[in-house]
Amino acid sequence: MAKLGELLGELRDIYTVDSDGVLSFKTYIAGIWTSTKDLEEVKSPIDLEVYARVPKLNYEMVDMALQTLYTKGRWEIRDMPGEKRLKVFHTLASLLEKFRQDFVDVLVIGNGKTPSAANGEVNAAIERLERADLDVRKLYGEYVPGDWSTESLEAEAIVRREPLGIVLAITPFNYPLFDVVNKFVYSTVAGNAFILKPATATPLPAIMFAKLAEMAGFPKEALAVITIPGKEMDKIVQDKRIGVISLTGSTETGEHVMKIGGIKQYVMELGGGDSALVMADADPKVSAQKIVTGITSYSGQRCDSIKFIFAEEPIYDKLKENLVEELRKVKVGDPRQEGVTVGPVIDPKTVDEFEFAVKDAVSKGGVILYGGKRLGPTYIEPTLIEIDKSKVKDLYLYKKEVFLSIAVLTKVNNIEEAIELSNGRRYGLDAAVFGNDINKIRKAVRMLEVGAVYINDYPKHGIGYFPFGGRKDSGIGREGIGYTIEYVTAYKTVVYNYKGKGIWEYL
């Protein structure tokens, strides 16, 4: 049974133990730890057993939290000097290290991550907090002299960046700690209050992180974690007190949020599923190793997971052979068992969609080279399907992002065909290019309609040291250290008029 053990030290303050041994958590609402009579059960994808319960807030409770953040919290965080904010982030990094095992346990039980992957997410969260200082320079403004226009002689201006007030962050299930930390850092380093809607499937890392933020001295009334069902978020998204919405999720969710959210700033990383373009002069073995990692990392439940492989004819057969060989090395199972490299999918509905997509591909001429089977309610075989280039655009997999370890392999005559097939999808998050011909690589870099291109490596966003974000239906804006500041702040121009004061004597 996937059961969560009791947490350590101060983290014990945020939950009680129910009669069935399940931990029942409170959530953090502008300085107050709150529970409700109506609780949401949280299930582990490992065996679909309930391992935690969290409050199911109603709109009135969220409305009160927003009012506190709007009247008090946004000024509390803005009035905290920047150097003190950095100290809070560094303290938070130390606390994450202190409580590392608790977060690892929650990521394993709640997400089905292997211990190695869970530790990797904690490492990324710690480093993101430590590197908040790299965001700061993007907060600096500009000086504009007035003597470059006759209408502004004897004047000058400063252009400064100011926080927009309240950032609503909506985070996905797949990186429930790092995505929270990343959005928290770039929002609050700029001086915004922060209200967080974590994924219903994986809310615990957000709640636990709020406890660490409280311990680190973050302004109490500038932070809230709202455990409210997504279907009840419309009134909150519409709220005029919110200045920014930062969302990582599906394209459909992003479109809905923008439609009802109105005039706000938006940062959105939406649907993806990346292409790998393999040129004739690539190393087939090394390319296959990296591509399979890109397919299977965290069970393919990553927006930057590789879903399509377009390979030139001279390398195609050897690459196919190596891809299948690498997929055979993958061991699927309970992530707590030694040797398992791929754990479960977050819920059975996604596996249902996987089965539909496989049948759709086979019905249109696809050949299953590896996998294709459901292994349980939340487990699948990593799957590779071969299909002719004339049929690939007809696939359900081509039109939609199926969020698990499944990829399509297609032979192309040249790099131009690979680029055309990659660009034909509605998504444009990342692409990977494998090969050595610099001219063909450079052409692919220029022509691919994506936010990032990885040369001889699989796409991986990491801590955002290199900025990432999509084009087309894959989103708007960029996430990355220093690169998101412009989306959570606004320019303010301050013009000083010195006309007649004798400061300047122009010729």
Protein backbone atom coordinates (compact mmCIF):
# COMPACT_ATOMS: atom_id res chain seq x y z
CA MET A 1 0.00 0.00 0.00
CA ALA A 2 1.24 3.49 -0.86
CA LYS A 3 1.02 5.07 2.57
CA LEU A 4 2.61 8.32 3.62
CA GLY A 5 4.46 8.22 6.93
CA GLU A 6 4.32 11.01 9.47
CA LEU A 7 6.40 14.08 8.65
CA LEU A 8 9.22 15.54 10.68
CA GLY A 9 9.50 18.41 13.16
CA GLU A 10 7.51 21.55 12.48
CA LEU A 11 5.75 19.93 9.52
CA ARG A 12 3.71 17.93 12.04
CA ASP A 13 1.82 21.15 12.83
CA ILE A 14 0.01 21.19 9.48
CA TYR A 15 -1.88 17.89 9.62
CA THR A 16 -3.76 15.49 11.83
CA VAL A 17 -3.92 11.70 11.56
CA ASP A 18 -7.37 10.33 10.74
CA SER A 19 -8.74 7.13 12.26
CA ASP A 20 -7.71 5.17 9.16
CA GLY A 21 -4.12 6.38 9.47
CA VAL A 22 -4.37 8.84 6.57
CA LEU A 23 -2.83 12.29 7.09
CA SER A 24 -5.36 15.13 6.87
CA PHE A 25 -3.65 18.42 5.97
CA LYS A 26 -4.55 22.04 6.57
CA THR A 27 -3.77 24.72 4.01
CA TYR A 28 -2.24 28.17 4.35
CA ILE A 29 -4.48 31.19 3.84
CA ALA A 30 -2.71 34.53 4.30
CA GLY A 31 -1.06 33.58 7.58
CA ILE A 32 -3.75 31.23 8.91
CA TRP A 33 -3.61 27.43 8.76
CA THR A 34 -7.13 26.41 7.77
CA SER A 35 -9.18 23.26 7.36
CA THR A 36 -12.75 22.53 6.30
CA LYS A 37 -15.39 19.91 7.00
CA ASP A 38 -15.42 19.02 3.32
CA LEU A 39 -12.15 17.28 2.44
CA GLU A 40 -10.63 16.21 -0.88
CA GLU A 41 -9.09 12.74 -0.98
CA VAL A 42 -5.68 12.50 -2.63
CA LYS A 43 -4.75 9.18 -4.21
CA SER A 44 -1.38 7.67 -5.07
CA PRO A 45 -0.92 6.65 -8.71
CA ILE A 46 1.08 3.67 -7.48
CA ASP A 47 -2.00 1.76 -6.33
CA LEU A 48 -4.83 4.38 -6.34
CA GLU A 49 -5.03 4.24 -2.53
CA VAL A 50 -5.93 7.39 -0.56
CA TYR A 51 -2.75 8.66 1.10
CA ALA A 52 -3.83 12.16 2.21
CA ARG A 53 -6.76 14.52 2.57
CA VAL A 54 -6.78 18.27 2.06
CA PRO A 55 -9.38 21.00 2.65
CA LYS A 56 -11.83 21.69 -0.15
CA LEU A 57 -12.12 25.47 0.05
CA ASN A 58 -15.15 27.36 -1.18
CA TYR A 59 -15.21 30.63 -3.10
CA GLU A 60 -16.01 32.72 -0.03
CA MET A 61 -12.82 31.55 1.72
CA VAL A 62 -10.71 32.29 -1.36
CA ASP A 63 -12.39 35.70 -1.72
CA MET A 64 -11.40 36.57 1.86
CA ALA A 65 -7.83 35.43 1.18
CA LEU A 66 -7.67 37.59 -1.95
CA GLN A 67 -8.91 40.59 -0.01
CA THR A 68 -6.19 40.13 2.59
CA LEU A 69 -3.53 39.80 -0.09
CA TYR A 70 -4.88 42.83 -1.93
CA THR A 71 -5.24 45.19 1.03
CA LYS A 72 -2.25 44.07 3.10
CA GLY A 73 -0.13 41.33 1.59
CA ARG A 74 0.91 43.04 -1.64
CA TRP A 75 2.23 45.97 0.37
CA GLU A 76 3.93 43.75 2.97
CA ILE A 77 6.01 41.99 0.34
CA ARG A 78 6.67 45.18 -1.61
CA ASP A 79 7.86 46.94 1.55
CA MET A 80 10.29 44.13 2.39
CA PRO A 81 13.70 45.24 1.07
CA GLY A 82 15.03 43.12 -1.77
CA GLU A 83 18.06 41.94 0.16
CA LYS A 84 15.74 40.60 2.87
CA ARG A 85 13.69 38.77 0.26
CA LEU A 86 16.88 37.09 -0.94
CA LYS A 87 17.67 36.04 2.63
CA VAL A 88 14.21 34.45 2.85
CA PHE A 89 14.86 32.51 -0.36
CA HIS A 90 18.23 31.29 0.91
CA THR A 91 16.67 30.26 4.24
CA LEU A 92 13.99 28.40 2.31
CA ALA A 93 16.68 26.55 0.37
CA SER A 94 18.26 25.44 3.65
CA LEU A 95 14.89 24.33 5.03
CA LEU A 96 14.20 22.31 1.90
CA GLU A 97 17.49 20.52 2.44
CA LYS A 98 16.59 19.92 6.09
CA PHE A 99 13.21 18.42 5.20
CA ARG A 100 14.41 16.79 1.98
CA GLN A 101 13.29 13.27 2.87
CA ASP A 102 9.74 14.40 3.65
CA PHE A 103 9.45 16.03 0.23
CA VAL A 104 11.03 13.01 -1.47
CA ASP A 105 8.54 10.69 0.22
CA VAL A 106 5.61 12.85 -0.88
CA LEU A 107 6.88 12.99 -4.49
CA VAL A 108 7.34 9.22 -4.59
CA ILE A 109 3.93 8.39 -3.07
CA GLY A 110 1.99 11.26 -4.59
CA ASN A 111 3.52 11.39 -8.07
CA GLY A 112 4.88 7.90 -8.54
CA LYS A 113 8.39 9.26 -9.06
CA THR A 114 11.43 7.13 -8.45
CA PRO A 115 13.48 8.25 -5.42
CA SER A 116 16.19 9.44 -7.82
CA ALA A 117 13.72 11.61 -9.76
CA ALA A 118 12.18 12.92 -6.53
CA ASN A 119 15.60 13.91 -5.19
CA GLY A 120 16.31 15.59 -8.52
CA GLU A 121 13.19 17.73 -8.17
CA VAL A 122 14.17 18.76 -4.64
CA ASN A 123 17.66 19.65 -5.91
CA ALA A 124 16.17 21.80 -8.66
CA ALA A 125 13.89 23.60 -6.20
CA ILE A 126 16.81 24.33 -3.88
CA GLU A 127 18.97 25.66 -6.70
CA ARG A 128 16.14 27.84 -8.02
CA LEU A 129 15.83 29.48 -4.61
CA GLU A 130 19.58 29.98 -4.38
CA ARG A 131 19.74 31.56 -7.85
CA ALA A 132 17.05 34.17 -7.20
CA ASP A 133 19.84 36.75 -7.20
CA LEU A 134 20.15 36.23 -10.97
CA ASP A 135 16.57 37.49 -11.39
CA VAL A 136 17.32 40.74 -9.63
CA ARG A 137 19.23 42.54 -12.39
CA LYS A 138 16.17 42.31 -14.64
CA LEU A 139 14.38 44.47 -12.07
CA TYR A 140 16.71 47.39 -12.68
CA GLY A 141 15.33 50.28 -14.73
CA GLU A 142 16.69 52.82 -17.21
CA TYR A 143 17.61 56.48 -17.43
CA VAL A 144 16.30 58.44 -20.44
CA PRO A 145 17.94 61.84 -21.19
CA GLY A 146 15.61 64.46 -22.60
CA ASP A 147 17.90 66.18 -25.07
CA TRP A 148 17.23 63.78 -27.95
CA SER A 149 13.90 65.43 -28.73
CA THR A 150 13.00 69.13 -28.89
CA GLU A 151 9.82 68.54 -26.91
CA SER A 152 11.66 67.03 -23.95
CA LEU A 153 14.55 69.49 -23.57
CA GLU A 154 15.37 70.35 -19.96
CA ALA A 155 13.72 67.15 -18.78
CA GLU A 156 14.79 63.63 -17.99
CA ALA A 157 13.13 60.39 -17.00
CA ILE A 158 13.71 57.17 -15.16
CA VAL A 159 11.90 54.03 -16.28
CA ARG A 160 11.39 51.61 -13.43
CA ARG A 161 9.81 48.21 -13.02
CA GLU A 162 7.14 47.74 -10.37
CA PRO A 163 5.28 44.64 -9.18
CA LEU A 164 1.77 44.19 -10.53
CA GLY A 165 0.32 43.30 -7.12
CA ILE A 166 -0.93 39.72 -6.93
CA VAL A 167 0.24 36.77 -9.02
CA LEU A 168 -2.11 33.80 -9.30
CA ALA A 169 -0.04 30.70 -10.03
CA ILE A 170 -1.77 27.57 -11.34
CA THR A 171 0.60 24.61 -11.25
CA PRO A 172 0.40 21.12 -12.84
CA PHE A 173 0.67 17.73 -11.19
CA ASN A 174 3.96 16.64 -12.74
CA TYR A 175 6.44 18.92 -10.91
CA PRO A 176 4.41 19.90 -7.84
CA LEU A 177 7.41 21.20 -5.91
CA PHE A 178 9.64 22.76 -8.55
CA ASP A 179 6.87 24.52 -10.47
CA VAL A 180 5.61 26.00 -7.20
CA VAL A 181 9.09 27.19 -6.22
CA ASN A 182 9.90 28.58 -9.66
CA LYS A 183 6.70 30.63 -9.89
CA PHE A 184 7.03 31.70 -6.26
CA VAL A 185 10.58 32.98 -6.78
CA TYR A 186 10.09 35.07 -9.91
CA SER A 187 6.79 36.47 -8.62
CA THR A 188 7.87 37.44 -5.13
CA VAL A 189 11.44 38.53 -5.89
CA ALA A 190 9.73 41.25 -7.93
CA GLY A 191 7.61 42.23 -4.91
CA ASN A 192 4.27 40.57 -5.74
CA ALA A 193 1.98 38.76 -3.35
CA PHE A 194 1.44 35.13 -4.33
CA ILE A 195 -1.71 33.02 -4.42
CA LEU A 196 -1.22 29.43 -5.52
CA LYS A 197 -3.68 26.91 -6.94
CA PRO A 198 -1.85 23.56 -6.91
CA ALA A 199 -2.98 20.60 -8.99
CA THR A 200 -5.78 18.71 -7.26
CA ALA A 201 -3.92 15.44 -7.83
CA THR A 202 -0.71 16.57 -6.08
CA PRO A 203 -1.34 19.40 -3.56
CA LEU A 204 0.94 18.35 -0.69
CA PRO A 205 4.31 19.77 -1.86
CA ALA A 206 2.69 23.22 -2.18
CA ILE A 207 1.18 23.05 1.31
CA MET A 208 4.44 21.83 2.81
CA PHE A 209 6.39 24.56 1.01
CA ALA A 210 4.03 27.18 2.46
CA LYS A 211 4.99 25.93 5.93
CA LEU A 212 8.67 26.38 5.09
CA ALA A 213 7.95 29.89 3.76
CA GLU A 214 6.26 30.75 7.05
CA MET A 215 9.24 29.37 8.97
CA ALA A 216 11.65 31.37 6.76
CA GLY A 217 9.94 34.68 7.57
CA PHE A 218 8.06 35.31 4.33
CA PRO A 219 5.33 37.95 4.89
CA LYS A 220 2.37 35.97 6.18
CA GLU A 221 -0.39 37.95 4.49
CA ALA A 222 1.34 37.84 1.10
CA LEU A 223 0.91 34.07 0.54
CA ALA A 224 -2.04 31.71 0.14
CA VAL A 225 -2.42 28.13 -1.09
CA ILE A 226 -5.96 27.55 -2.32
CA THR A 227 -7.04 23.91 -2.48
CA ILE A 228 -10.11 24.44 -4.61
CA PRO A 229 -11.29 22.27 -7.51
CA GLY A 230 -10.27 23.56 -10.94
CA LYS A 231 -13.89 23.66 -12.12
CA GLU A 232 -14.61 26.28 -9.43
CA MET A 233 -11.77 28.61 -10.43
CA ASP A 234 -13.58 30.79 -12.97
CA LYS A 235 -14.66 33.52 -10.53
CA ILE A 236 -11.14 33.68 -9.12
CA VAL A 237 -9.50 33.86 -12.56
CA GLN A 238 -11.85 36.74 -13.45
CA ASP A 239 -11.05 38.68 -10.27
CA LYS A 240 -9.72 42.19 -10.98
CA ARG A 241 -7.55 42.10 -7.87
CA ILE A 242 -5.28 39.61 -9.64
CA GLY A 243 -2.72 41.30 -11.89
CA VAL A 244 -0.92 38.26 -13.33
CA ILE A 245 -1.83 34.66 -14.04
CA SER A 246 1.04 32.20 -14.41
CA LEU A 247 -0.24 28.84 -15.59
CA THR A 248 1.42 25.60 -16.58
CA GLY A 249 -1.07 23.16 -18.02
CA SER A 250 -2.93 22.04 -21.11
CA THR A 251 -3.61 24.26 -24.10
CA GLU A 252 -7.34 23.86 -23.53
CA THR A 253 -7.03 25.09 -19.94
CA GLY A 254 -4.88 28.02 -21.03
CA GLU A 255 -7.36 29.07 -23.70
CA HIS A 256 -10.21 28.94 -21.18
CA VAL A 257 -8.30 30.96 -18.57
CA MET A 258 -7.38 33.67 -21.08
CA LYS A 259 -10.94 33.83 -22.41
CA ILE A 260 -12.50 34.47 -19.02
CA GLY A 261 -9.56 36.15 -17.26
CA GLY A 262 -9.81 39.45 -19.10
CA ILE A 263 -7.11 42.09 -19.19
CA LYS A 264 -4.18 40.77 -17.18
CA GLN A 265 -0.60 39.74 -17.72
CA TYR A 266 -0.24 36.07 -18.64
CA VAL A 267 2.64 33.61 -18.49
CA MET A 268 1.55 30.29 -19.92
CA GLU A 269 3.42 27.11 -20.66
CA LEU A 270 0.84 24.93 -22.36
CA GLY A 271 0.69 21.79 -24.48
CA GLY A 272 3.84 20.36 -25.96
CA GLY A 273 5.27 17.03 -26.95
CA ASP A 274 8.51 17.62 -28.81
CA SER A 275 10.03 16.45 -32.07
CA ALA A 276 13.48 14.93 -32.52
CA LEU A 277 15.01 15.48 -35.96
CA VAL A 278 17.77 12.96 -36.66
CA MET A 279 20.11 13.72 -39.56
CA ALA A 280 22.01 11.17 -41.62
CA ASP A 281 25.36 11.91 -39.95
CA ALA A 282 24.13 11.55 -36.36
CA ASP A 283 25.45 8.83 -34.07
CA PRO A 284 22.55 6.33 -34.04
CA LYS A 285 23.42 4.76 -30.68
CA VAL A 286 23.99 7.98 -28.74
CA SER A 287 20.98 9.62 -30.40
CA ALA A 288 18.78 6.65 -29.49
CA GLN A 289 19.93 6.74 -25.87
CA LYS A 290 19.10 10.42 -25.52
CA ILE A 291 15.80 10.14 -27.39
CA VAL A 292 14.59 7.23 -25.25
CA THR A 293 15.47 9.21 -22.12
CA GLY A 294 13.44 12.06 -23.58
CA ILE A 295 10.51 9.69 -24.19
CA THR A 296 10.49 7.89 -20.84
CA SER A 297 11.71 10.43 -18.26
CA TYR A 298 9.00 10.67 -15.58
CA SER A 299 6.82 8.28 -17.57
CA GLY A 300 6.61 10.80 -20.43
CA GLN A 301 4.55 13.14 -18.23
CA ARG A 302 6.58 16.18 -19.20
CA CYS A 303 5.60 18.97 -21.57
CA ASP A 304 9.08 18.66 -23.14
CA SER A 305 8.83 14.88 -23.60
CA ILE A 306 9.79 13.61 -27.06
CA LYS A 307 6.72 12.40 -28.97
CA PHE A 308 7.94 12.38 -32.61
CA ILE A 309 11.16 11.20 -34.24
CA PHE A 310 11.77 12.24 -37.84
CA ALA A 311 14.88 10.49 -39.16
CA GLU A 312 16.64 10.79 -42.52
CA GLU A 313 16.71 7.61 -44.62
CA PRO A 314 20.46 6.72 -44.36
CA ILE A 315 20.33 6.47 -40.56
CA TYR A 316 16.75 5.29 -40.19
CA ASP A 317 17.13 1.50 -39.88
CA LYS A 318 20.08 1.66 -37.50
CA LEU A 319 18.35 4.29 -35.36
CA LYS A 320 15.18 2.19 -35.20
CA GLU A 321 17.17 -0.83 -34.06
CA ASN A 322 18.89 1.19 -31.33
CA LEU A 323 15.65 2.83 -30.16
CA VAL A 324 14.03 -0.56 -29.59
CA GLU A 325 17.17 -1.83 -27.88
CA GLU A 326 17.13 1.13 -25.47
CA LEU A 327 13.40 0.80 -24.76
CA ARG A 328 13.95 -2.85 -23.77
CA LYS A 329 16.19 -1.63 -20.94
CA VAL A 330 13.36 0.34 -19.31
CA LYS A 331 11.83 -1.31 -16.25
CA VAL A 332 8.25 -0.29 -15.39
CA GLY A 333 6.79 -0.78 -11.93
CA ASP A 334 6.35 0.47 -8.38
CA PRO A 335 8.93 3.27 -8.12
CA ARG A 336 9.85 2.16 -4.60
CA GLN A 337 11.25 -1.11 -5.94
CA GLU A 338 14.93 -1.31 -6.77
CA GLY A 339 15.77 -1.18 -10.44
CA VAL A 340 12.51 0.43 -11.56
CA THR A 341 13.18 3.33 -13.92
CA VAL A 342 9.61 4.24 -14.96
CA GLY A 343 6.72 4.44 -12.53
CA PRO A 344 2.98 4.91 -12.98
CA VAL A 345 0.93 7.45 -14.91
CA ILE A 346 -0.95 9.94 -12.73
CA ASP A 347 -4.46 8.54 -13.35
CA PRO A 348 -6.33 5.80 -15.25
CA LYS A 349 -8.00 8.29 -17.64
CA THR A 350 -4.64 9.10 -19.21
CA VAL A 351 -4.00 5.41 -19.78
CA ASP A 352 -7.43 5.14 -21.42
CA GLU A 353 -6.35 7.90 -23.81
CA PHE A 354 -3.11 6.01 -24.46
CA GLU A 355 -5.03 2.89 -25.50
CA PHE A 356 -7.22 4.97 -27.79
CA ALA A 357 -4.18 6.64 -29.39
CA VAL A 358 -2.46 3.30 -30.01
CA LYS A 359 -5.55 1.84 -31.66
CA ASP A 360 -5.95 5.00 -33.74
CA ALA A 361 -2.36 4.78 -34.97
CA VAL A 362 -2.60 1.08 -35.85
CA SER A 363 -5.88 1.66 -37.71
CA LYS A 364 -4.10 4.25 -39.87
CA GLY A 365 -1.18 2.04 -40.80
CA GLY A 366 1.06 2.38 -37.75
CA VAL A 367 3.23 -0.54 -36.67
CA ILE A 368 4.02 -1.04 -32.99
CA LEU A 369 7.79 -1.48 -32.75
CA TYR A 370 7.79 -1.74 -28.97
CA GLY A 371 5.23 -1.65 -26.17
CA GLY A 372 1.65 -0.64 -26.83
CA LYS A 373 0.11 -2.46 -23.87
CA ARG A 374 -1.57 -1.38 -20.67
CA LEU A 375 0.06 -3.05 -17.68
CA GLY A 376 -2.46 -1.98 -15.05
CA PRO A 377 -4.84 0.86 -14.15
CA THR A 378 -1.98 3.39 -14.16
CA TYR A 379 0.89 1.54 -15.84
CA ILE A 380 1.86 1.22 -19.52
CA GLU A 381 4.69 -0.13 -21.60
CA PRO A 382 6.76 2.69 -23.11
CA THR A 383 5.67 2.64 -26.73
CA LEU A 384 7.22 3.33 -30.12
CA ILE A 385 5.04 3.33 -33.23
CA GLU A 386 6.36 3.46 -36.80
CA ILE A 387 4.26 5.14 -39.49
CA ASP A 388 4.74 6.45 -43.01
CA LYS A 389 5.22 10.18 -43.44
CA SER A 390 2.08 10.35 -45.60
CA LYS A 391 -0.06 9.21 -42.64
CA VAL A 392 1.57 10.87 -39.65
CA LYS A 393 -0.55 14.04 -39.77
CA ASP A 394 -3.73 11.96 -39.54
CA LEU A 395 -2.82 10.55 -36.12
CA TYR A 396 -4.59 11.47 -32.91
CA LEU A 397 -1.09 11.62 -31.43
CA TYR A 398 -0.13 14.31 -33.94
CA LYS A 399 -3.17 16.47 -33.23
CA LYS A 400 -3.20 16.08 -29.44
CA GLU A 401 -0.63 15.82 -26.67
CA VAL A 402 -0.90 12.39 -25.06
CA PHE A 403 0.85 12.86 -21.74
CA LEU A 404 2.88 9.68 -21.25
CA SER A 405 5.68 7.58 -22.78
CA ILE A 406 4.60 7.14 -26.38
CA ALA A 407 6.43 8.28 -29.51
CA VAL A 408 6.06 8.02 -33.28
CA LEU A 409 8.96 7.19 -35.63
CA THR A 410 8.83 8.36 -39.25
CA LYS A 411 11.33 8.16 -42.13
CA VAL A 412 12.00 11.36 -44.11
CA ASN A 413 14.07 12.06 -47.21
CA ASN A 414 15.73 15.21 -45.90
CA ILE A 415 15.82 17.78 -43.11
CA GLU A 416 13.28 19.96 -44.92
CA GLU A 417 10.64 17.21 -44.65
CA ALA A 418 11.45 16.75 -40.97
CA ILE A 419 11.04 20.48 -40.33
CA GLU A 420 7.74 20.57 -42.22
CA LEU A 421 6.31 17.64 -40.23
CA SER A 422 7.48 19.13 -36.95
CA ASN A 423 6.06 22.57 -37.74
CA GLY A 424 2.75 21.07 -38.89
CA ARG A 425 1.66 20.35 -35.32
CA ARG A 426 -0.35 22.94 -33.42
CA TYR A 427 2.28 22.90 -30.68
CA GLY A 428 5.66 24.61 -30.68
CA LEU A 429 7.44 24.09 -27.38
CA ASP A 430 10.85 22.56 -28.15
CA ALA A 431 12.66 20.45 -30.70
CA ALA A 432 15.82 18.36 -30.64
CA VAL A 433 18.23 18.09 -33.58
CA PHE A 434 20.78 15.27 -33.78
CA GLY A 435 23.64 15.45 -36.27
CA ASN A 436 26.91 17.17 -37.17
CA ASP A 437 26.36 19.07 -40.41
CA ILE A 438 26.40 22.64 -39.11
CA ASN A 439 24.63 24.02 -42.16
CA LYS A 440 21.69 21.63 -41.79
CA ILE A 441 21.61 22.25 -38.04
CA ARG A 442 21.60 25.99 -38.60
CA LYS A 443 18.77 25.68 -41.10
CA ALA A 444 16.71 23.65 -38.64
CA VAL A 445 17.36 26.20 -35.89
CA ARG A 446 16.14 28.98 -38.18
CA MET A 447 13.06 27.20 -39.53
CA LEU A 448 11.67 25.31 -36.53
CA GLU A 449 8.67 27.10 -34.99
CA VAL A 450 9.49 26.38 -31.36
CA GLY A 451 10.66 28.18 -28.25
CA ALA A 452 13.90 26.22 -27.85
CA VAL A 453 16.07 23.92 -29.96
CA TYR A 454 18.41 21.39 -28.32
CA ILE A 455 21.39 20.27 -30.40
CA ASN A 456 22.46 16.63 -29.83
CA ASP A 457 20.46 16.36 -26.63
CA TYR A 458 16.90 15.74 -25.54
CA PRO A 459 14.80 18.76 -24.41
CA LYS A 460 15.00 19.48 -20.69
CA HIS A 461 13.98 22.73 -19.06
CA GLY A 462 15.74 22.14 -15.76
CA ILE A 463 15.76 25.09 -13.36
CA GLY A 464 15.18 27.57 -16.16
CA TYR A 465 18.77 28.72 -16.40
CA PHE A 466 18.10 28.72 -20.14
CA PRO A 467 14.67 30.30 -20.75
CA PHE A 468 11.86 28.08 -21.99
CA GLY A 469 8.37 28.58 -23.35
CA GLY A 470 6.34 27.88 -26.41
CA ARG A 471 5.00 29.28 -29.62
CA LYS A 472 1.63 28.67 -31.28
CA ASP A 473 -0.62 26.60 -28.96
CA SER A 474 2.26 25.89 -26.58
CA GLY A 475 1.86 29.15 -24.73
CA ILE A 476 2.91 32.74 -24.30
CA GLY A 477 5.76 34.28 -22.39
CA ARG A 478 8.95 32.69 -21.12
CA GLU A 479 9.88 31.06 -17.84
CA GLY A 480 13.49 31.16 -16.81
CA ILE A 481 15.83 32.89 -14.41
CA GLY A 482 15.53 36.59 -15.15
CA TYR A 483 13.35 36.08 -18.20
CA THR A 484 9.95 36.01 -16.46
CA ILE A 485 10.39 39.26 -14.54
CA GLU A 486 8.97 41.31 -17.41
CA TYR A 487 5.67 39.38 -17.22
CA VAL A 488 5.12 39.94 -13.48
CA THR A 489 6.08 43.62 -13.43
CA ALA A 490 5.01 46.80 -15.20
CA TYR A 491 7.05 49.73 -16.48
CA LYS A 492 6.48 53.07 -14.81
CA THR A 493 7.98 56.19 -16.40
CA VAL A 494 8.80 59.11 -14.09
CA VAL A 495 9.51 62.39 -15.92
CA TYR A 496 11.33 65.26 -14.16
CA ASN A 497 10.82 68.75 -15.62
CA TYR A 498 13.64 71.26 -14.96
CA LYS A 499 12.62 73.87 -17.53
CA GLY A 500 13.98 77.31 -16.63
CA LYS A 501 16.07 76.02 -13.73
CA GLY A 502 19.37 76.65 -15.47
CA ILE A 503 20.59 73.09 -15.23
CA TRP A 504 21.10 72.74 -18.97
CA GLU A 505 22.30 75.46 -21.32
CA TYR A 506 21.80 73.99 -24.76
CA LEU A 507 23.51 75.36 -27.83
